[in-house]
Amino acid sequence: MEKGKGVMVGGRRWGVDFTDNSASPSSRDIPDPPGFSRASQDQDDSTLSRQKKDAEANWKSQKAWEVAQAPFKNLLMMGFMMWMAGSTVHLFSIGITFSALWQPISALQGVGKVFEPYKDSKVELLGPKLLFIALNLGGLALGVWKLNTLGLLPTHASDWVSSLPPAQEVEYSGGGIPLR
């Protein structure tokens, strides 16, 4: 063979022909090592495709659980940011609080879209969806708690004074006798 020229195998320029045309003992005559069986290589296509589908369903289930647990990381980060913002009302703390409220609400609106790639007849998505919803509701509760600590929720009677009718007068006072 000339230097720089490839062997033509099956119409391809670069290829290697692994057929054994020698008269020496074949590799088939050598016994298989312990733990290896040729039967595993000779499986039919249906078993192989079933295993492939099972592996894909297992992967989808695992990824669905990972997506369902993702709001927990966000919950910890948001809690730390709210703690760092303090309990005084200023632009930063209000921004953090409304972000903590908006993220779970938008996530709860898109639960179906989040788990769409993992839909399969073999994958049960109820558990991951419930965990996803519960963690987002926890994030929403954290945001509402922060609103309360900032004093932005009307939870005291004094917050509703403007809507109460004026109290009825019970006593009247009038002039008096001047004392000298």
Protein backbone atom coordinates (compact mmCIF):
# COMPACT_ATOMS: atom_id res chain seq x y z
CA MET A 1 0.00 0.00 0.00
CA GLU A 2 1.30 3.41 -0.89
CA LYS A 3 2.08 5.94 1.75
CA GLY A 4 -0.80 8.41 2.33
CA LYS A 5 -3.40 6.34 0.50
CA GLY A 6 -6.36 4.95 2.45
CA VAL A 7 -7.83 1.51 2.05
CA MET A 8 -11.11 1.47 0.17
CA VAL A 9 -13.58 -0.52 2.27
CA GLY A 10 -17.22 -0.60 1.26
CA GLY A 11 -16.92 2.53 -0.90
CA ARG A 12 -15.45 4.69 1.88
CA ARG A 13 -11.98 6.10 1.49
CA TRP A 14 -10.86 5.62 5.10
CA GLY A 15 -11.97 2.42 6.70
CA VAL A 16 -10.58 -0.64 8.36
CA ASP A 17 -11.51 -4.17 7.39
CA PHE A 18 -11.67 -6.34 10.51
CA THR A 19 -12.49 -9.62 8.81
CA ASP A 20 -10.21 -12.44 9.86
CA ASN A 21 -8.98 -14.33 6.79
CA SER A 22 -6.05 -16.03 8.51
CA ALA A 23 -5.70 -19.73 9.13
CA SER A 24 -4.69 -19.19 12.78
CA PRO A 25 -7.08 -20.15 15.59
CA SER A 26 -10.09 -17.84 15.68
CA SER A 27 -11.08 -15.64 18.59
CA ARG A 28 -14.24 -17.70 18.74
CA ASP A 29 -12.19 -20.66 19.89
CA ILE A 30 -10.96 -18.77 22.97
CA PRO A 31 -13.30 -19.15 25.98
CA ASP A 32 -15.08 -16.08 27.29
CA PRO A 33 -13.69 -14.50 30.47
CA PRO A 34 -15.59 -15.06 33.72
CA GLY A 35 -18.66 -12.84 34.01
CA PHE A 36 -18.99 -12.27 30.26
CA SER A 37 -21.64 -13.94 28.20
CA ARG A 38 -22.22 -13.62 24.49
CA ALA A 39 -25.93 -14.11 25.06
CA SER A 40 -26.13 -10.52 26.33
CA GLN A 41 -24.82 -9.32 22.97
CA ASP A 42 -27.26 -11.47 21.03
CA GLN A 43 -30.43 -10.07 22.63
CA ASP A 44 -33.32 -9.42 20.33
CA ASP A 45 -34.34 -5.90 19.36
CA SER A 46 -37.57 -5.91 21.38
CA THR A 47 -35.73 -6.48 24.66
CA LEU A 48 -33.22 -3.81 23.76
CA SER A 49 -35.91 -1.28 22.84
CA ARG A 50 -37.86 -2.09 26.01
CA GLN A 51 -34.76 -1.50 28.10
CA LYS A 52 -34.14 1.74 26.25
CA LYS A 53 -37.70 2.92 26.90
CA ASP A 54 -37.44 1.95 30.58
CA ALA A 55 -34.15 3.84 30.88
CA GLU A 56 -35.71 6.89 29.21
CA ALA A 57 -38.74 6.74 31.53
CA ASN A 58 -36.42 6.44 34.54
CA TRP A 59 -34.42 9.45 33.31
CA LYS A 60 -37.60 11.50 32.77
CA SER A 61 -38.83 10.64 36.25
CA GLN A 62 -35.51 11.62 37.80
CA LYS A 63 -35.44 14.93 35.91
CA ALA A 64 -39.05 15.67 36.90
CA TRP A 65 -38.11 15.27 40.57
CA GLU A 66 -35.10 17.57 40.05
CA VAL A 67 -37.33 20.23 38.49
CA ALA A 68 -39.83 19.82 41.33
CA GLN A 69 -37.11 20.43 43.94
CA ALA A 70 -35.69 23.50 42.19
CA PRO A 71 -37.96 26.02 44.01
CA PHE A 72 -36.37 24.96 47.31
CA LYS A 73 -33.06 26.55 46.27
CA ASN A 74 -34.94 29.69 45.27
CA LEU A 75 -36.76 29.65 48.61
CA LEU A 76 -33.48 29.62 50.57
CA MET A 77 -31.96 32.34 48.41
CA MET A 78 -35.04 34.55 48.68
CA GLY A 79 -35.20 34.06 52.45
CA PHE A 80 -31.57 35.13 52.79
CA MET A 81 -32.12 38.18 50.59
CA MET A 82 -35.18 39.20 52.59
CA TRP A 83 -33.22 38.82 55.82
CA MET A 84 -30.43 41.00 54.38
CA ALA A 85 -32.98 43.64 53.29
CA GLY A 86 -34.03 44.22 56.89
CA SER A 87 -37.43 45.14 58.30
CA THR A 88 -37.58 48.78 57.33
CA VAL A 89 -39.65 49.98 54.41
CA HIS A 90 -37.41 51.17 51.61
CA LEU A 91 -37.07 50.55 47.90
CA PHE A 92 -34.74 47.55 48.14
CA SER A 93 -36.82 45.63 50.69
CA ILE A 94 -40.05 46.30 48.78
CA GLY A 95 -38.43 45.17 45.52
CA ILE A 96 -37.15 41.97 47.09
CA THR A 97 -40.53 41.29 48.68
CA PHE A 98 -42.50 41.75 45.48
CA SER A 99 -39.98 39.61 43.62
CA ALA A 100 -40.53 36.93 46.28
CA LEU A 101 -44.26 37.18 45.62
CA TRP A 102 -44.06 37.33 41.83
CA GLN A 103 -41.77 34.35 41.23
CA PRO A 104 -43.99 31.72 42.92
CA ILE A 105 -47.14 33.14 41.32
CA SER A 106 -45.64 32.97 37.83
CA ALA A 107 -44.25 29.48 38.54
CA LEU A 108 -47.66 28.25 39.73
CA GLN A 109 -49.26 29.58 36.54
CA GLY A 110 -46.87 27.53 34.39
CA VAL A 111 -46.85 24.16 36.17
CA GLY A 112 -48.10 22.37 33.06
CA LYS A 113 -45.42 23.91 30.84
CA VAL A 114 -42.65 23.10 33.32
CA PHE A 115 -43.47 19.38 33.35
CA GLU A 116 -44.42 19.10 29.65
CA PRO A 117 -41.05 17.62 28.54
CA TYR A 118 -41.39 14.81 31.08
CA LYS A 119 -44.84 13.56 30.09
CA ASP A 120 -44.80 9.86 29.38
CA SER A 121 -47.19 6.98 29.95
CA LYS A 122 -44.62 5.32 32.22
CA VAL A 123 -43.74 8.44 34.23
CA GLU A 124 -45.92 9.46 37.17
CA LEU A 125 -45.85 13.26 37.45
CA LEU A 126 -48.36 13.77 40.28
CA GLY A 127 -45.75 13.60 43.06
CA PRO A 128 -43.30 16.03 41.43
CA LYS A 129 -46.11 18.44 40.55
CA LEU A 130 -47.43 18.42 44.12
CA LEU A 131 -43.95 19.03 45.51
CA PHE A 132 -43.41 21.86 43.01
CA ILE A 133 -46.72 23.46 44.00
CA ALA A 134 -46.04 23.04 47.74
CA LEU A 135 -42.59 24.64 47.51
CA ASN A 136 -43.93 27.55 45.49
CA LEU A 137 -46.74 28.06 47.99
CA GLY A 138 -44.05 28.10 50.69
CA GLY A 139 -42.26 30.83 48.74
CA LEU A 140 -45.50 32.77 48.46
CA ALA A 141 -46.04 32.41 52.22
CA LEU A 142 -42.51 33.71 52.81
CA GLY A 143 -43.29 36.78 50.71
CA VAL A 144 -46.56 37.41 52.56
CA TRP A 145 -44.72 37.04 55.89
CA LYS A 146 -42.18 39.64 54.76
CA LEU A 147 -45.02 42.00 53.78
CA ASN A 148 -46.38 41.58 57.29
CA THR A 149 -43.01 42.26 58.95
CA LEU A 150 -42.68 45.42 56.86
CA GLY A 151 -46.09 46.51 58.12
CA LEU A 152 -47.59 46.57 54.62
CA LEU A 153 -50.45 44.17 55.41
CA PRO A 154 -53.52 45.60 57.13
CA THR A 155 -53.58 43.27 60.13
CA HIS A 156 -54.31 45.71 63.00
CA ALA A 157 -57.56 47.50 63.83
CA SER A 158 -55.80 50.83 63.35
CA ASP A 159 -55.30 49.97 59.69
CA TRP A 160 -59.08 50.03 59.17
CA VAL A 161 -59.94 53.17 61.17
CA SER A 162 -60.82 55.17 58.07
CA SER A 163 -63.55 52.70 57.14
CA LEU A 164 -65.14 52.60 60.64
CA PRO A 165 -68.14 54.81 61.36
CA PRO A 166 -67.52 57.55 63.92
CA ALA A 167 -68.22 56.54 67.51
CA GLN A 168 -71.48 57.70 69.11
CA GLU A 169 -71.08 60.43 71.69
CA VAL A 170 -72.04 59.22 75.15
CA GLU A 171 -71.41 62.32 77.24
CA TYR A 172 -71.95 65.94 76.57
CA SER A 173 -70.16 68.73 78.27
CA GLY A 174 -71.25 72.25 78.39
CA GLY A 175 -70.10 75.46 79.96
CA GLY A 176 -69.23 75.60 83.56
CA ILE A 177 -69.15 77.95 86.48
CA PRO A 178 -65.96 79.93 86.63
CA LEU A 179 -64.19 79.69 89.94
CA ARG A 180 -62.19 82.60 91.17
